[in-house]
Protein backbone atom coordinates (compact mmCIF):
# COMPACT_ATOMS: atom_id res chain seq x y z
CA MET A 1 -107.51 -38.81 168.34
CA GLU A 2 -105.22 -37.59 171.07
CA ASP A 3 -102.22 -38.03 168.73
CA ALA A 4 -103.80 -36.01 165.98
CA ARG A 5 -104.64 -33.18 168.44
CA MET A 6 -100.95 -33.25 169.66
CA GLU A 7 -99.66 -33.07 166.14
CA SER A 8 -102.09 -30.32 165.21
CA THR A 9 -101.00 -28.22 168.30
CA GLU A 10 -97.31 -28.85 167.54
CA GLY A 11 -97.82 -27.69 163.90
CA PHE A 12 -99.62 -24.57 165.01
CA VAL A 13 -96.83 -23.70 167.43
CA LYS A 14 -94.21 -24.23 164.69
CA TYR A 15 -96.30 -22.08 162.32
CA GLN A 16 -96.54 -19.27 165.04
CA LEU A 17 -92.89 -19.48 165.74
CA GLY A 18 -92.11 -19.33 161.95
CA LEU A 19 -94.21 -16.17 161.40
CA PRO A 20 -91.57 -13.70 162.97
CA HIS A 21 -89.02 -15.15 160.58
CA MET A 22 -91.46 -14.61 157.66
CA HIS A 23 -92.16 -10.97 158.76
CA HIS A 24 -88.49 -10.38 159.17
CA LEU A 25 -87.80 -11.66 155.57
CA ILE A 26 -90.50 -9.39 154.14
CA ALA A 27 -89.12 -6.38 156.09
CA VAL A 28 -85.67 -7.07 154.73
CA LEU A 29 -86.97 -7.38 151.22
CA CYS A 30 -88.93 -4.10 151.48
CA VAL A 31 -85.77 -2.33 152.84
CA VAL A 32 -83.69 -3.80 150.08
CA ALA A 33 -86.31 -2.67 147.39
CA VAL A 34 -86.36 0.89 148.80
CA VAL A 35 -82.62 1.20 148.96
CA TYR A 36 -82.47 -0.20 145.37
CA LYS A 37 -84.98 2.37 144.19
CA LEU A 38 -83.25 5.22 146.06
CA THR A 39 -79.91 4.22 144.49
CA ILE A 40 -81.41 4.37 141.09
CA LEU A 41 -83.12 7.74 141.78
CA LEU A 42 -79.77 9.17 143.17
CA ALA A 43 -77.95 7.91 140.11
CA GLN A 44 -80.61 9.60 137.95
CA ARG A 45 -80.10 12.94 139.83
CA ARG A 46 -76.40 12.66 139.62
CA ALA A 47 -76.52 11.96 135.84
CA ALA A 48 -78.85 14.97 135.34
CA LYS A 49 -76.65 17.26 137.36
CA GLN A 50 -73.49 16.16 135.49
CA SER A 51 -75.20 16.65 132.10
CA MET A 52 -75.89 20.38 133.10
CA GLU A 53 -72.32 21.01 134.58
CA LEU A 54 -71.39 23.40 131.81
CA PHE A 55 -74.58 25.51 132.16
CA PRO A 56 -74.91 27.79 135.26
CA GLY A 57 -78.41 28.73 136.25
CA PRO A 58 -80.61 30.05 139.04
CA PRO A 59 -80.27 28.34 142.47
CA SER A 60 -82.65 25.45 143.01
CA HIS A 61 -84.15 23.66 145.96
CA TRP A 62 -82.79 20.07 146.39
CA LEU A 63 -86.29 18.55 146.40
CA PHE A 64 -88.58 21.04 144.60
CA GLY A 65 -86.07 22.27 142.11
CA HIS A 66 -87.50 25.58 140.62
CA LEU A 67 -91.06 24.59 141.03
CA LYS A 68 -91.55 26.75 144.21
CA GLU A 69 -90.41 29.79 142.10
CA PHE A 70 -93.44 29.43 139.94
CA LYS A 71 -96.54 30.94 141.55
CA GLN A 72 -99.07 30.30 138.75
CA ASP A 73 -100.28 34.01 139.00
CA GLY A 74 -99.25 35.39 135.62
CA SER A 75 -95.71 36.22 136.67
CA ASP A 76 -93.93 32.96 135.75
CA LEU A 77 -93.13 33.73 132.04
CA LYS A 78 -91.63 37.07 133.16
CA LYS A 79 -89.38 35.19 135.57
CA ILE A 80 -88.20 32.83 132.75
CA VAL A 81 -87.36 35.92 130.57
CA LYS A 82 -85.50 37.52 133.49
CA TRP A 83 -83.41 34.32 134.00
CA GLY A 84 -82.71 34.35 130.26
CA GLN A 85 -81.19 37.79 130.67
CA GLN A 86 -78.93 36.60 133.49
CA TYR A 87 -77.92 33.45 131.70
CA PRO A 88 -77.21 33.99 128.07
CA TYR A 89 -78.21 31.26 125.58
CA ALA A 90 -79.35 28.63 128.20
CA PHE A 91 -79.85 27.64 131.76
CA PRO A 92 -81.05 24.50 133.67
CA MET A 93 -84.53 24.32 135.03
CA TRP A 94 -85.32 21.61 137.65
CA PHE A 95 -88.89 20.17 137.90
CA GLY A 96 -88.55 18.29 141.23
CA PRO A 97 -85.41 16.40 142.42
CA LEU A 98 -84.90 14.33 139.25
CA VAL A 99 -86.08 16.02 136.12
CA CYS A 100 -83.94 18.82 134.58
CA PHE A 101 -84.45 20.59 131.26
CA LEU A 102 -81.94 22.87 129.65
CA SER A 103 -84.08 25.95 128.80
CA ILE A 104 -82.74 27.55 125.68
CA HIS A 105 -83.67 31.07 124.38
CA HIS A 106 -81.14 32.10 121.72
CA PRO A 107 -81.58 31.54 117.96
CA ASP A 108 -78.13 29.85 117.60
CA TYR A 109 -79.02 27.24 120.29
CA VAL A 110 -82.57 26.96 118.99
CA LYS A 111 -81.25 26.29 115.47
CA THR A 112 -79.09 23.44 116.75
CA ILE A 113 -82.12 21.63 118.13
CA LEU A 114 -84.86 22.40 115.75
CA ALA A 115 -82.70 21.78 112.63
CA SER A 116 -81.88 18.30 114.05
CA THR A 117 -84.09 15.20 113.92
CA GLU A 118 -84.10 14.75 117.72
CA PRO A 119 -87.42 13.37 118.95
CA LYS A 120 -89.93 15.05 121.19
CA ASP A 121 -89.03 14.51 124.83
CA ASN A 122 -90.37 11.42 126.54
CA MET A 123 -92.02 13.24 129.54
CA ALA A 124 -94.04 16.35 128.69
CA TYR A 125 -95.31 14.89 125.41
CA THR A 126 -96.01 11.50 126.95
CA PHE A 127 -98.49 13.24 129.31
CA VAL A 128 -100.53 14.35 126.34
CA LYS A 129 -100.74 10.90 124.78
CA PRO A 130 -103.76 9.68 126.58
CA TRP A 131 -105.67 12.50 124.90
CA ILE A 132 -104.20 12.77 121.44
CA GLY A 133 -102.60 9.35 120.97
CA ASP A 134 -99.49 8.83 118.89
CA GLY A 135 -100.31 11.47 116.27
CA LEU A 136 -97.92 13.78 114.27
CA LEU A 137 -97.34 16.01 117.39
CA VAL A 138 -95.79 13.23 119.46
CA SER A 139 -94.86 10.30 117.16
CA GLU A 140 -91.30 9.73 116.02
CA GLY A 141 -88.99 7.92 113.66
CA GLN A 142 -90.49 6.00 110.68
CA LYS A 143 -94.12 6.37 111.97
CA TRP A 144 -93.84 10.11 112.06
CA PHE A 145 -92.10 10.27 108.70
CA ARG A 146 -94.77 8.07 107.02
CA HIS A 147 -97.64 9.98 108.53
CA ARG A 148 -96.09 13.35 107.71
CA ARG A 149 -95.70 12.21 104.12
CA LEU A 150 -99.32 10.78 103.86
CA LEU A 151 -100.84 13.98 105.40
CA THR A 152 -98.89 16.69 103.64
CA PRO A 153 -101.27 16.71 100.52
CA GLY A 154 -104.05 17.75 103.05
CA PHE A 155 -102.26 21.21 103.36
CA HIS A 156 -101.65 21.86 99.64
CA TYR A 157 -102.83 25.33 98.66
CA GLU A 158 -105.53 23.85 96.39
CA VAL A 159 -107.08 22.18 99.42
CA LEU A 160 -106.63 25.30 101.63
CA LYS A 161 -108.14 27.68 98.96
CA PRO A 162 -111.87 26.82 99.55
CA TYR A 163 -111.35 26.97 103.24
CA VAL A 164 -111.17 30.83 103.21
CA ASN A 165 -114.85 31.21 102.52
CA LEU A 166 -115.71 28.71 105.31
CA MET A 167 -113.45 30.52 107.68
CA SER A 168 -115.20 33.81 106.76
CA ASP A 169 -118.63 32.34 107.52
CA SER A 170 -117.42 31.19 110.98
CA VAL A 171 -115.92 34.61 111.83
CA LYS A 172 -119.09 36.42 110.65
CA THR A 173 -121.15 34.18 112.99
CA MET A 174 -118.95 35.27 115.93
CA LEU A 175 -119.11 38.97 114.84
CA ASP A 176 -122.97 38.86 114.72
CA LYS A 177 -122.96 37.55 118.25
CA TRP A 178 -120.89 40.62 119.32
CA GLU A 179 -123.51 43.18 118.38
CA SER A 180 -125.00 43.21 121.93
CA TYR A 181 -121.50 44.24 123.32
CA ALA A 182 -121.21 46.99 120.60
CA LYS A 183 -124.51 48.47 121.73
CA THR A 184 -123.82 48.43 125.42
CA ASN A 185 -120.14 49.44 125.39
CA GLU A 186 -119.57 46.73 128.04
CA SER A 187 -116.31 44.85 128.33
CA PHE A 188 -116.28 41.12 127.41
CA GLU A 189 -113.99 38.18 127.43
CA LEU A 190 -112.59 37.10 124.10
CA PHE A 191 -111.08 33.69 124.46
CA ASN A 192 -114.20 31.58 124.78
CA HIS A 193 -115.86 33.32 121.76
CA VAL A 194 -112.77 32.90 119.72
CA SER A 195 -112.40 29.19 120.79
CA LEU A 196 -115.95 28.47 119.67
CA MET A 197 -115.25 30.25 116.31
CA THR A 198 -111.97 28.41 115.56
CA LEU A 199 -113.66 25.04 116.60
CA ASP A 200 -116.54 25.82 114.18
CA SER A 201 -113.97 26.67 111.51
CA ILE A 202 -111.73 23.58 111.89
CA MET A 203 -114.86 21.40 111.86
CA LYS A 204 -116.12 22.96 108.60
CA CYS A 205 -112.73 23.15 106.88
CA ALA A 206 -110.90 19.95 107.88
CA PHE A 207 -113.94 17.68 108.56
CA SER A 208 -116.79 19.23 106.41
CA TYR A 209 -118.88 19.07 109.57
CA ASN A 210 -121.44 21.74 110.55
CA SER A 211 -121.39 21.67 114.37
CA ASN A 212 -123.37 24.82 114.98
CA CYS A 213 -121.20 25.09 118.08
CA GLN A 214 -121.29 28.96 118.06
CA THR A 215 -124.98 29.24 117.98
CA GLU A 216 -125.89 26.45 120.42
CA SER A 217 -126.93 27.58 123.88
CA GLY A 218 -124.75 26.60 126.85
CA THR A 219 -121.08 25.78 127.02
CA ASN A 220 -119.53 23.46 124.38
CA GLU A 221 -118.60 20.17 126.07
CA TYR A 222 -115.55 19.59 123.85
CA ILE A 223 -114.09 23.01 124.54
CA LYS A 224 -114.63 22.52 128.28
CA ALA A 225 -112.84 19.08 127.96
CA VAL A 226 -109.94 20.81 126.08
CA TYR A 227 -109.55 23.38 128.90
CA GLU A 228 -109.75 20.64 131.49
CA LEU A 229 -107.11 18.49 129.64
CA SER A 230 -104.65 21.48 129.12
CA ASN A 231 -104.90 22.34 132.89
CA LEU A 232 -104.51 18.81 134.05
CA ILE A 233 -101.55 18.06 131.78
CA ASN A 234 -99.86 21.30 133.00
CA LEU A 235 -100.51 20.30 136.64
CA ARG A 236 -99.13 16.87 136.10
CA PHE A 237 -95.86 18.27 134.68
CA ARG A 238 -95.50 20.59 137.64
CA THR A 239 -96.36 17.99 140.29
CA PHE A 240 -93.31 15.59 140.19
CA PRO A 241 -95.02 12.59 142.11
CA TYR A 242 -97.53 12.87 139.29
CA HIS A 243 -94.75 11.95 136.81
CA ASN A 244 -95.35 8.39 137.94
CA ASP A 245 -98.28 6.82 135.92
CA LEU A 246 -99.72 4.75 138.79
CA ILE A 247 -99.73 7.72 141.32
CA PHE A 248 -101.38 9.97 138.77
CA TYR A 249 -104.01 7.59 137.48
CA LEU A 250 -105.04 6.62 141.15
CA SER A 251 -105.42 10.41 142.00
CA PRO A 252 -108.55 12.56 141.64
CA HIS A 253 -106.74 14.40 138.90
CA GLY A 254 -106.16 11.24 136.92
CA PHE A 255 -109.86 10.40 137.16
CA ARG A 256 -110.72 13.82 135.85
CA LEU A 257 -108.28 13.46 132.95
CA ARG A 258 -109.91 10.08 131.90
CA LYS A 259 -113.26 11.63 132.08
CA ALA A 260 -112.27 14.67 129.90
CA CYS A 261 -110.53 12.31 127.43
CA LYS A 262 -113.69 10.35 127.07
CA VAL A 263 -115.61 13.53 126.09
CA ALA A 264 -112.87 14.59 123.59
CA HIS A 265 -112.62 11.17 122.05
CA SER A 266 -116.37 10.81 121.86
CA HIS A 267 -116.54 14.10 119.92
CA THR A 268 -113.78 13.16 117.39
CA GLY A 269 -115.08 9.55 117.13
CA GLU A 270 -118.49 10.84 116.03
CA VAL A 271 -116.94 12.94 113.32
CA ILE A 272 -114.93 9.94 111.92
CA ARG A 273 -117.92 7.55 112.13
CA LYS A 274 -120.15 9.87 110.13
CA ARG A 275 -117.46 10.44 107.37
CA LYS A 276 -116.74 6.68 107.05
CA GLU A 277 -120.50 6.08 106.43
CA ALA A 278 -120.54 8.89 103.80
CA LEU A 279 -117.45 7.49 102.10
CA LYS A 280 -118.99 4.04 101.85
CA GLU A 281 -121.78 5.63 99.86
CA GLU A 282 -119.40 7.92 97.85
CA ASN A 283 -116.98 5.01 97.56
CA GLU A 284 -114.19 6.56 95.32
CA LEU A 285 -112.16 9.75 95.74
CA ASP A 286 -113.42 10.89 92.28
CA ARG A 287 -116.97 10.95 93.68
CA VAL A 288 -115.86 12.83 96.69
CA GLN A 289 -114.25 15.51 94.43
CA GLY A 290 -117.41 15.74 92.29
CA LYS A 291 -119.62 16.24 95.37
CA ARG A 292 -117.62 18.62 97.44
CA ASN A 293 -114.07 19.88 98.17
CA VAL A 294 -111.63 17.23 99.43
CA ASP A 295 -110.77 17.94 103.10
CA PHE A 296 -108.25 16.76 105.58
CA LEU A 297 -110.42 13.86 106.79
CA ASP A 298 -110.88 12.50 103.18
CA ILE A 299 -107.09 12.56 102.67
CA LEU A 300 -106.61 10.91 106.16
CA LEU A 301 -109.12 8.07 105.38
CA LEU A 302 -108.11 7.52 101.79
CA ALA A 303 -104.26 7.95 102.20
CA ARG A 304 -102.19 5.01 100.95
CA ASP A 305 -98.42 4.53 101.04
CA GLU A 306 -96.25 2.87 98.31
CA ASN A 307 -97.30 -0.54 99.64
CA LYS A 308 -101.06 0.39 99.28
CA GLN A 309 -101.37 0.44 103.04
CA GLY A 310 -103.63 3.00 104.67
CA MET A 311 -103.69 4.11 108.25
CA SER A 312 -105.10 2.12 111.02
CA ASP A 313 -108.28 3.18 112.94
CA GLU A 314 -106.17 3.89 116.00
CA ASP A 315 -103.80 6.07 113.85
CA ILE A 316 -106.71 8.00 112.22
CA GLN A 317 -108.29 8.57 115.66
CA ALA A 318 -104.91 9.95 116.97
CA GLU A 319 -104.55 12.32 113.97
CA VAL A 320 -108.06 13.59 114.27
CA ASP A 321 -107.71 14.25 118.00
CA THR A 322 -104.36 15.96 117.25
CA PHE A 323 -105.76 18.24 114.53
CA MET A 324 -108.95 19.04 116.31
CA PHE A 325 -106.90 20.27 119.30
CA GLU A 326 -104.11 21.88 117.33
CA GLY A 327 -106.32 23.32 114.65
CA HIS A 328 -108.74 25.12 117.09
CA ASP A 329 -106.89 25.73 120.50
CA THR A 330 -103.49 27.11 119.17
CA THR A 331 -105.31 29.39 116.64
CA ALA A 332 -107.82 30.50 119.39
CA SER A 333 -104.85 31.61 121.51
CA ALA A 334 -103.12 33.38 118.70
CA MET A 335 -106.30 35.09 117.50
CA SER A 336 -107.36 36.21 120.98
CA PHE A 337 -104.04 37.86 121.70
CA ILE A 338 -104.09 39.47 118.17
CA LEU A 339 -107.42 41.14 118.94
CA TYR A 340 -106.23 42.16 122.36
CA SER A 341 -103.11 43.74 120.75
CA LEU A 342 -105.20 45.63 118.32
CA ALA A 343 -107.24 46.99 121.15
CA CYS A 344 -104.06 48.13 122.97
CA HIS A 345 -102.56 49.91 119.92
CA PRO A 346 -105.28 52.12 118.31
CA GLU A 347 -102.79 53.75 116.02
CA TYR A 348 -101.70 50.43 114.43
CA GLN A 349 -105.30 49.25 114.55
CA LYS A 350 -106.23 52.20 112.30
CA MET A 351 -103.50 51.43 109.82
CA CYS A 352 -104.52 47.84 109.62
CA ARG A 353 -108.22 48.78 109.13
CA ASP A 354 -107.44 51.29 106.36
CA GLU A 355 -105.50 48.57 104.56
CA VAL A 356 -108.22 45.94 105.02
CA LEU A 357 -110.99 48.25 103.84
CA GLN A 358 -108.99 49.02 100.64
CA ALA A 359 -108.23 45.31 100.03
CA LEU A 360 -111.88 44.19 100.52
CA ASP A 361 -113.22 47.14 98.44
CA GLY A 362 -116.70 47.01 99.83
CA LYS A 363 -116.96 43.20 100.14
CA ASP A 364 -118.19 41.81 103.45
CA THR A 365 -116.22 38.54 103.01
CA MET A 366 -112.58 37.48 102.58
CA GLU A 367 -111.42 35.55 99.60
CA TRP A 368 -108.23 33.60 98.67
CA GLU A 369 -106.86 36.45 96.57
CA ASP A 370 -107.36 38.96 99.29
CA LEU A 371 -104.92 37.31 101.77
CA SER A 372 -101.91 38.69 99.89
CA LYS A 373 -103.30 42.24 99.83
CA ILE A 374 -102.83 43.06 103.54
CA PRO A 375 -99.04 43.15 104.09
CA TYR A 376 -99.19 45.59 107.03
CA THR A 377 -101.84 43.62 108.81
CA THR A 378 -99.75 40.48 108.28
CA MET A 379 -96.79 42.23 109.93
CA PHE A 380 -99.12 43.16 112.84
CA ILE A 381 -100.20 39.59 113.21
CA LYS A 382 -96.57 38.36 113.30
CA GLU A 383 -95.59 40.91 115.88
CA SER A 384 -98.43 39.68 118.09
CA LEU A 385 -97.30 36.12 117.49
CA ARG A 386 -93.75 37.23 118.62
CA LEU A 387 -94.99 38.74 121.88
CA TYR A 388 -97.72 36.16 122.52
CA PRO A 389 -96.64 32.87 120.88
CA PRO A 390 -99.63 30.47 121.01
CA VAL A 391 -97.24 27.57 121.94
CA PRO A 392 -94.92 29.17 124.54
CA GLY A 393 -92.48 26.18 124.63
CA MET A 394 -91.32 23.02 122.94
CA SER A 395 -89.11 20.19 124.18
CA ARG A 396 -86.83 17.55 122.86
CA ILE A 397 -84.70 14.64 124.25
CA THR A 398 -81.21 14.08 122.88
CA THR A 399 -80.31 10.71 121.31
CA LYS A 400 -76.67 11.63 120.91
CA THR A 401 -74.22 14.19 122.33
CA ILE A 402 -75.20 17.68 121.03
CA THR A 403 -72.59 20.40 120.57
CA PHE A 404 -73.70 24.07 120.53
CA PHE A 405 -72.10 26.83 118.48
CA ASP A 406 -70.18 28.03 121.59
CA GLY A 407 -68.62 24.60 122.10
CA ARG A 408 -70.66 23.52 125.16
CA THR A 409 -72.19 20.00 124.93
CA LEU A 410 -75.11 18.00 126.25
CA PRO A 411 -74.92 14.22 126.45
CA ALA A 412 -77.49 11.75 125.01
CA GLY A 413 -80.60 11.38 127.14
CA SER A 414 -80.74 15.09 128.10
CA HIS A 415 -83.96 17.13 128.05
CA ILE A 416 -83.98 20.31 126.13
CA GLY A 417 -86.81 22.94 126.33
CA THR A 418 -87.08 25.77 123.72
CA SER A 419 -88.67 28.73 125.54
CA VAL A 420 -90.32 30.40 122.58
CA TYR A 421 -91.67 33.07 124.83
CA SER A 422 -88.15 34.04 125.99
CA LEU A 423 -86.60 33.68 122.57
CA HIS A 424 -89.08 36.10 121.15
CA ARG A 425 -88.17 38.57 123.91
CA ASN A 426 -84.41 38.09 123.78
CA ALA A 427 -82.92 41.59 123.98
CA THR A 428 -79.73 40.50 122.14
CA VAL A 429 -81.91 39.76 119.13
CA TRP A 430 -84.93 42.15 119.34
CA GLU A 431 -84.29 45.82 120.15
CA ASN A 432 -86.66 47.00 123.00
CA PRO A 433 -88.28 43.58 122.95
CA GLU A 434 -91.29 44.49 125.10
CA VAL A 435 -92.30 47.26 122.68
CA PHE A 436 -94.99 46.34 120.10
CA ASP A 437 -93.63 47.23 116.66
CA PRO A 438 -95.01 45.63 113.40
CA LEU A 439 -92.28 47.09 111.32
CA ARG A 440 -89.82 44.49 112.84
CA PHE A 441 -91.35 42.28 110.09
CA LEU A 442 -90.50 44.49 107.11
CA PRO A 443 -88.58 42.19 104.65
CA GLU A 444 -85.39 44.27 105.13
CA ASN A 445 -85.56 43.86 108.91
CA VAL A 446 -86.41 40.17 108.73
CA SER A 447 -83.35 39.52 106.44
CA LYS A 448 -81.03 40.82 109.22
CA ARG A 449 -82.22 38.25 111.77
CA SER A 450 -81.64 34.61 112.06
CA PRO A 451 -84.64 32.60 110.77
CA HIS A 452 -84.60 30.76 114.25
CA ALA A 453 -85.24 34.12 116.03
CA PHE A 454 -89.00 33.89 115.31
CA VAL A 455 -90.53 30.33 115.55
CA PRO A 456 -94.27 30.59 116.47
CA PHE A 457 -94.82 27.45 114.35
CA SER A 458 -91.51 25.75 115.32
CA ALA A 459 -88.95 25.22 112.50
CA GLY A 460 -86.88 22.50 110.80
CA PRO A 461 -88.24 19.09 109.84
CA ARG A 462 -90.81 19.03 112.63
CA ASN A 463 -92.35 22.47 111.94
CA CYS A 464 -96.19 22.79 112.12
CA ILE A 465 -97.80 21.12 109.12
CA GLY A 466 -100.77 23.45 109.51
CA GLN A 467 -99.02 26.77 109.68
CA ASN A 468 -100.43 28.06 106.37
CA PHE A 469 -103.99 26.99 107.40
CA ALA A 470 -103.39 28.86 110.69
CA MET A 471 -101.96 32.09 109.15
CA ASN A 472 -104.92 32.15 106.60
CA GLU A 473 -107.37 31.95 109.49
CA LEU A 474 -105.64 34.64 111.44
CA LYS A 475 -105.68 36.97 108.49
CA VAL A 476 -109.39 36.28 107.67
CA SER A 477 -110.42 36.76 111.33
CA THR A 478 -108.41 39.91 111.85
CA ALA A 479 -109.48 41.52 108.59
CA LEU A 480 -113.26 40.84 109.05
CA THR A 481 -113.19 41.95 112.68
CA LEU A 482 -111.54 45.19 111.79
CA LYS A 483 -113.96 45.91 108.98
CA ARG A 484 -116.89 45.70 111.43
CA TYR A 485 -115.64 46.81 114.82
CA HIS A 486 -113.33 49.29 116.61
CA LEU A 487 -111.52 47.34 119.44
CA ILE A 488 -110.94 49.25 122.67
CA GLU A 489 -108.71 48.25 125.53
CA ASP A 490 -110.16 47.71 128.94
CA PRO A 491 -107.47 49.12 131.35
CA THR A 492 -109.16 47.61 134.37
CA GLN A 493 -108.42 44.04 133.16
CA THR A 494 -104.74 43.31 132.76
CA PRO A 495 -104.19 39.79 131.44
CA GLN A 496 -102.38 37.35 133.74
CA ILE A 497 -100.60 35.28 131.12
CA VAL A 498 -99.70 31.67 131.84
CA PRO A 499 -98.21 28.82 129.83
CA ARG A 500 -100.51 25.83 129.42
CA LEU A 501 -100.41 23.69 126.30
CA VAL A 502 -101.20 27.00 124.68
CA LEU A 503 -100.69 30.53 125.94
CA ARG A 504 -103.60 31.61 128.07
CA SER A 505 -104.68 34.29 130.54
CA LEU A 506 -105.80 33.29 134.02
CA ASN A 507 -108.31 36.11 134.14
CA GLY A 508 -109.18 36.01 130.39
CA LEU A 509 -108.68 38.72 127.69
CA HIS A 510 -111.19 41.59 127.93
CA ILE A 511 -111.91 44.22 125.40
CA LYS A 512 -114.69 46.66 124.43
CA ILE A 513 -115.99 47.19 120.89
CA LYS A 514 -118.05 49.72 118.90
CA PRO A 515 -119.22 49.51 115.28
CA VAL A 516 -117.13 50.97 112.46
CA ASP A 517 -119.09 53.66 110.62
CA PRO A 518 -120.14 52.43 107.19
């Protein structure tokens, strides 16, 4: 018994004496791990700096980069335009100590990137993936090529044709709701109204789904989730510790993102579920065509490649999430700024209205044939898209060395951001770029410019597959609004424009309206 106690005491002493050695070993391993990680990060920073050596730019802080320059108060885009004037073609922008994008804003530079097959960058677009999955916006390589090919028939003009009447119905619902503002002459905020209208429209057109989202009382949960997701993804991009997945997902913002994703996915999941049930009953595409117009969702669910393979449930969900967002939020941004621009330019508004009234010839709805009868209004729409591009920036990552027209190069693995907002206000391309002038888009003026000077829907192989859908919706919405209301600027509410996933205003977009005399 005594021997056993002695052995036990001796063992305990040895154990206690061994603990400091163990603690010492753990401390050494921690130091080694930290040093190793720091070495990698320093190498990353050195590589990023070396890749940008040929491109001078505004001074940056060693830790925050240019992040402290951006106040999120509506002045940030103006600052980027100003830097573009100081540094022709391109300049580096640092987001924290490690991540650097070459910001480009000249057509010849933009052409080099957008005409290439370089993939979307692996950071900004990665942050969108928890929401819209690996859909057309973010996928690459063979998967992107296959999906683009399978979905292109969904945007054939025969499919787009019947959408015009559906778009008209959605716009008329919105304009009916505006009657109270026309009577009181009070200022009101556009963006939320237009978001509901474009959501209603994409649901009817692409998914043959009557959501009644414009007439329901209360705020639409899906639109609230889209706003939340846009803001959180933008915040994550600007907060460099959040670039780390673990840090972000453990944060309160990560929790909010997951919650908003759940709302968005539940909305799109319900649309898919209902259609799958309907297709089981209709069975064949012939029956679908006999019963109603084929829409984007039919094409998505029934698409087959040369090997008779369709898309997986995961891929279908990703494409529906992508098009639900892209098809309503980008057009909502574009349409809101078009209506705001009309209010700010009454002389152009009158010319557009005269043209619209002549084209509609007494009708209170827009039809397919009418879309080509409003050339001046179309030029006005394009000028608004120039000054207020719904997607203010795009980014790529290089897979090989890129050489620009002036001989400067960027190595593989570099991030490139196309500032569409700066490109569209580049004074070497656009005379008096801040002046609103629809005649810039007369055919003879367009022919003098590079096709890469105006890219509201991107360009090249990865241009927006839905751009004809979007332009049709913008024409229908503009024409029917002008037929019914005079739009009046509210000088007390100047928009504070900010880049999110789409272009927004921090304080909204406010106008007044009054009825057009019959």
